[in-house]
Amino acid sequence: MFGRHKKIRKEIDQELLSNIRTLKHEWETLNTIINQSIEPSDEGLTELALVKAKYFYLLREARFRQINALS
């Protein structure tokens, strides 16, 4: 019974790390596009802020769960 919970927790932790990596890549890509734009759109800036907020939220969640990429 308890082994099952550990397995589920590990799967969720791996999914969280995967989402963090994906959002980091998306944030860096959007940031590059915005920085190279002469006149960035409001929608682009809003999307960048949203992705950044999601990324930092997931980082806080990972810190709370005491997981990192090496575990």
N, C-alpha and C. Protein backbone atom coordinates (compact mmCIF):
# COMPACT_ATOMS: atom_id res chain seq x y z
N MET A 1 0.82 -1.19 0.00
CA MET A 1 0.00 0.00 0.00
C MET A 1 0.86 1.26 0.00
N PHE A 2 1.87 1.30 0.87
CA PHE A 2 2.70 2.49 0.95
C PHE A 2 3.64 2.59 -0.24
N GLY A 3 4.05 1.45 -0.79
CA GLY A 3 4.92 1.45 -1.97
C GLY A 3 4.22 2.07 -3.17
N ARG A 4 2.94 1.88 -3.25
CA ARG A 4 2.16 2.44 -4.36
C ARG A 4 2.18 3.97 -4.30
N HIS A 5 2.05 4.52 -3.12
CA HIS A 5 2.06 5.97 -2.96
C HIS A 5 3.41 6.56 -3.34
N LYS A 6 4.49 5.86 -3.00
CA LYS A 6 5.83 6.33 -3.38
C LYS A 6 5.98 6.33 -4.89
N LYS A 7 5.45 5.30 -5.54
CA LYS A 7 5.54 5.20 -6.99
C LYS A 7 4.75 6.32 -7.66
N ILE A 8 3.56 6.59 -7.16
CA ILE A 8 2.73 7.66 -7.71
C ILE A 8 3.41 9.01 -7.49
N ARG A 9 3.97 9.21 -6.30
CA ARG A 9 4.66 10.47 -6.01
C ARG A 9 5.85 10.68 -6.95
N LYS A 10 6.60 9.60 -7.20
CA LYS A 10 7.76 9.69 -8.10
C LYS A 10 7.32 10.07 -9.51
N GLU A 11 6.22 9.49 -9.97
CA GLU A 11 5.70 9.80 -11.30
C GLU A 11 5.27 11.26 -11.39
N ILE A 12 4.61 11.73 -10.35
CA ILE A 12 4.17 13.13 -10.33
C ILE A 12 5.37 14.06 -10.28
N ASP A 13 6.39 13.70 -9.50
CA ASP A 13 7.61 14.51 -9.43
C ASP A 13 8.30 14.58 -10.79
N GLN A 14 8.35 13.46 -11.50
CA GLN A 14 8.98 13.45 -12.82
C GLN A 14 8.18 14.31 -13.81
N GLU A 15 6.85 14.24 -13.70
CA GLU A 15 6.01 15.07 -14.57
C GLU A 15 6.22 16.55 -14.26
N LEU A 16 6.35 16.88 -12.99
CA LEU A 16 6.60 18.26 -12.59
C LEU A 16 7.93 18.75 -13.16
N LEU A 17 8.98 17.95 -13.07
CA LEU A 17 10.28 18.33 -13.62
C LEU A 17 10.21 18.50 -15.14
N SER A 18 9.46 17.63 -15.78
CA SER A 18 9.29 17.73 -17.23
C SER A 18 8.57 19.03 -17.61
N ASN A 19 7.53 19.37 -16.85
CA ASN A 19 6.80 20.61 -17.10
C ASN A 19 7.68 21.84 -16.86
N ILE A 20 8.53 21.77 -15.86
CA ILE A 20 9.44 22.88 -15.58
C ILE A 20 10.40 23.08 -16.76
N ARG A 21 10.96 21.99 -17.26
CA ARG A 21 11.88 22.10 -18.41
C ARG A 21 11.17 22.67 -19.63
N THR A 22 9.95 22.20 -19.88
CA THR A 22 9.18 22.67 -21.04
C THR A 22 8.88 24.15 -20.92
N LEU A 23 8.42 24.58 -19.75
CA LEU A 23 8.10 26.00 -19.56
C LEU A 23 9.35 26.87 -19.63
N LYS A 24 10.47 26.37 -19.14
CA LYS A 24 11.71 27.15 -19.22
C LYS A 24 12.10 27.36 -20.68
N HIS A 25 12.00 26.32 -21.47
CA HIS A 25 12.32 26.44 -22.90
C HIS A 25 11.35 27.42 -23.59
N GLU A 26 10.07 27.30 -23.27
CA GLU A 26 9.07 28.20 -23.86
C GLU A 26 9.33 29.64 -23.44
N TRP A 27 9.67 29.85 -22.16
CA TRP A 27 9.95 31.20 -21.67
C TRP A 27 11.17 31.79 -22.39
N GLU A 28 12.23 31.00 -22.51
CA GLU A 28 13.44 31.49 -23.18
C GLU A 28 13.16 31.82 -24.65
N THR A 29 12.37 31.00 -25.31
CA THR A 29 12.02 31.24 -26.71
C THR A 29 11.22 32.53 -26.86
N LEU A 30 10.18 32.67 -26.04
CA LEU A 30 9.36 33.89 -26.10
C LEU A 30 10.18 35.12 -25.75
N ASN A 31 11.05 35.00 -24.77
CA ASN A 31 11.89 36.13 -24.36
C ASN A 31 12.81 36.56 -25.51
N THR A 32 13.36 35.60 -26.22
CA THR A 32 14.21 35.92 -27.37
C THR A 32 13.42 36.63 -28.45
N ILE A 33 12.23 36.13 -28.73
CA ILE A 33 11.38 36.76 -29.75
C ILE A 33 11.02 38.18 -29.36
N ILE A 34 10.63 38.37 -28.11
CA ILE A 34 10.25 39.72 -27.63
C ILE A 34 11.45 40.65 -27.69
N ASN A 35 12.62 40.18 -27.29
CA ASN A 35 13.82 41.02 -27.30
C ASN A 35 14.24 41.41 -28.70
N GLN A 36 13.96 40.56 -29.68
CA GLN A 36 14.34 40.86 -31.06
C GLN A 36 13.28 41.66 -31.79
N SER A 37 12.11 41.79 -31.20
CA SER A 37 11.03 42.54 -31.83
C SER A 37 11.28 44.03 -31.71
N ILE A 38 10.97 44.73 -32.77
CA ILE A 38 11.08 46.19 -32.74
C ILE A 38 9.99 46.77 -31.86
N GLU A 39 8.77 46.29 -32.07
CA GLU A 39 7.64 46.75 -31.29
C GLU A 39 6.83 45.53 -30.84
N PRO A 40 7.15 44.97 -29.66
CA PRO A 40 6.44 43.76 -29.22
C PRO A 40 4.96 44.04 -28.97
N SER A 41 4.14 43.07 -29.32
CA SER A 41 2.69 43.22 -29.14
C SER A 41 2.32 43.02 -27.67
N ASP A 42 1.18 43.56 -27.32
CA ASP A 42 0.68 43.39 -25.95
C ASP A 42 0.38 41.92 -25.67
N GLU A 43 -0.11 41.22 -26.68
CA GLU A 43 -0.42 39.80 -26.51
C GLU A 43 0.86 39.00 -26.25
N GLY A 44 1.93 39.34 -26.96
CA GLY A 44 3.20 38.66 -26.76
C GLY A 44 3.76 38.91 -25.37
N LEU A 45 3.66 40.14 -24.90
CA LEU A 45 4.14 40.48 -23.56
C LEU A 45 3.30 39.79 -22.48
N THR A 46 2.00 39.70 -22.73
CA THR A 46 1.12 39.01 -21.78
C THR A 46 1.45 37.53 -21.73
N GLU A 47 1.66 36.92 -22.89
CA GLU A 47 2.01 35.50 -22.96
C GLU A 47 3.34 35.24 -22.24
N LEU A 48 4.31 36.14 -22.44
CA LEU A 48 5.60 36.01 -21.78
C LEU A 48 5.44 36.07 -20.26
N ALA A 49 4.64 37.01 -19.77
CA ALA A 49 4.42 37.14 -18.34
C ALA A 49 3.71 35.91 -17.78
N LEU A 50 2.78 35.35 -18.53
CA LEU A 50 2.05 34.17 -18.09
C LEU A 50 2.96 32.95 -17.99
N VAL A 51 3.78 32.75 -19.00
CA VAL A 51 4.71 31.61 -19.00
C VAL A 51 5.72 31.76 -17.86
N LYS A 52 6.20 32.98 -17.65
CA LYS A 52 7.16 33.23 -16.58
C LYS A 52 6.53 32.93 -15.22
N ALA A 53 5.29 33.35 -15.02
CA ALA A 53 4.60 33.11 -13.75
C ALA A 53 4.39 31.61 -13.52
N LYS A 54 4.00 30.88 -14.56
CA LYS A 54 3.81 29.44 -14.44
C LYS A 54 5.13 28.76 -14.09
N TYR A 55 6.21 29.18 -14.75
CA TYR A 55 7.52 28.60 -14.51
C TYR A 55 7.96 28.78 -13.06
N PHE A 56 7.83 30.00 -12.54
CA PHE A 56 8.25 30.25 -11.16
C PHE A 56 7.33 29.57 -10.16
N TYR A 57 6.06 29.43 -10.50
CA TYR A 57 5.15 28.70 -9.62
C TYR A 57 5.58 27.23 -9.51
N LEU A 58 5.90 26.62 -10.65
CA LEU A 58 6.32 25.22 -10.62
C LEU A 58 7.66 25.05 -9.91
N LEU A 59 8.55 26.04 -10.04
CA LEU A 59 9.81 25.98 -9.29
C LEU A 59 9.56 26.00 -7.79
N ARG A 60 8.63 26.86 -7.35
CA ARG A 60 8.29 26.91 -5.92
C ARG A 60 7.68 25.58 -5.46
N GLU A 61 6.83 25.00 -6.31
CA GLU A 61 6.23 23.71 -5.98
C GLU A 61 7.30 22.62 -5.85
N ALA A 62 8.27 22.62 -6.75
CA ALA A 62 9.35 21.64 -6.69
C ALA A 62 10.18 21.84 -5.43
N ARG A 63 10.44 23.08 -5.07
CA ARG A 63 11.20 23.35 -3.85
C ARG A 63 10.40 22.88 -2.62
N PHE A 64 9.09 23.13 -2.63
CA PHE A 64 8.24 22.70 -1.51
C PHE A 64 8.24 21.19 -1.39
N ARG A 65 8.21 20.49 -2.53
CA ARG A 65 8.20 19.02 -2.52
C ARG A 65 9.60 18.45 -2.34
N GLN A 66 10.61 19.32 -2.27
CA GLN A 66 12.01 18.96 -2.07
C GLN A 66 12.50 17.99 -3.15
N ILE A 67 12.24 18.36 -4.39
CA ILE A 67 12.75 17.57 -5.51
C ILE A 67 13.66 18.44 -6.35
N ASN A 68 14.57 17.78 -7.05
CA ASN A 68 15.42 18.48 -8.00
C ASN A 68 15.71 17.55 -9.16
N ALA A 69 16.39 18.06 -10.15
CA ALA A 69 16.63 17.29 -11.36
C ALA A 69 17.59 16.12 -11.11
N LEU A 70 18.35 16.17 -10.04
CA LEU A 70 19.33 15.12 -9.78
C LEU A 70 18.74 13.95 -9.00
N SER A 71 17.57 14.12 -8.40
CA SER A 71 17.01 13.03 -7.58
C SER A 71 16.24 12.03 -8.41
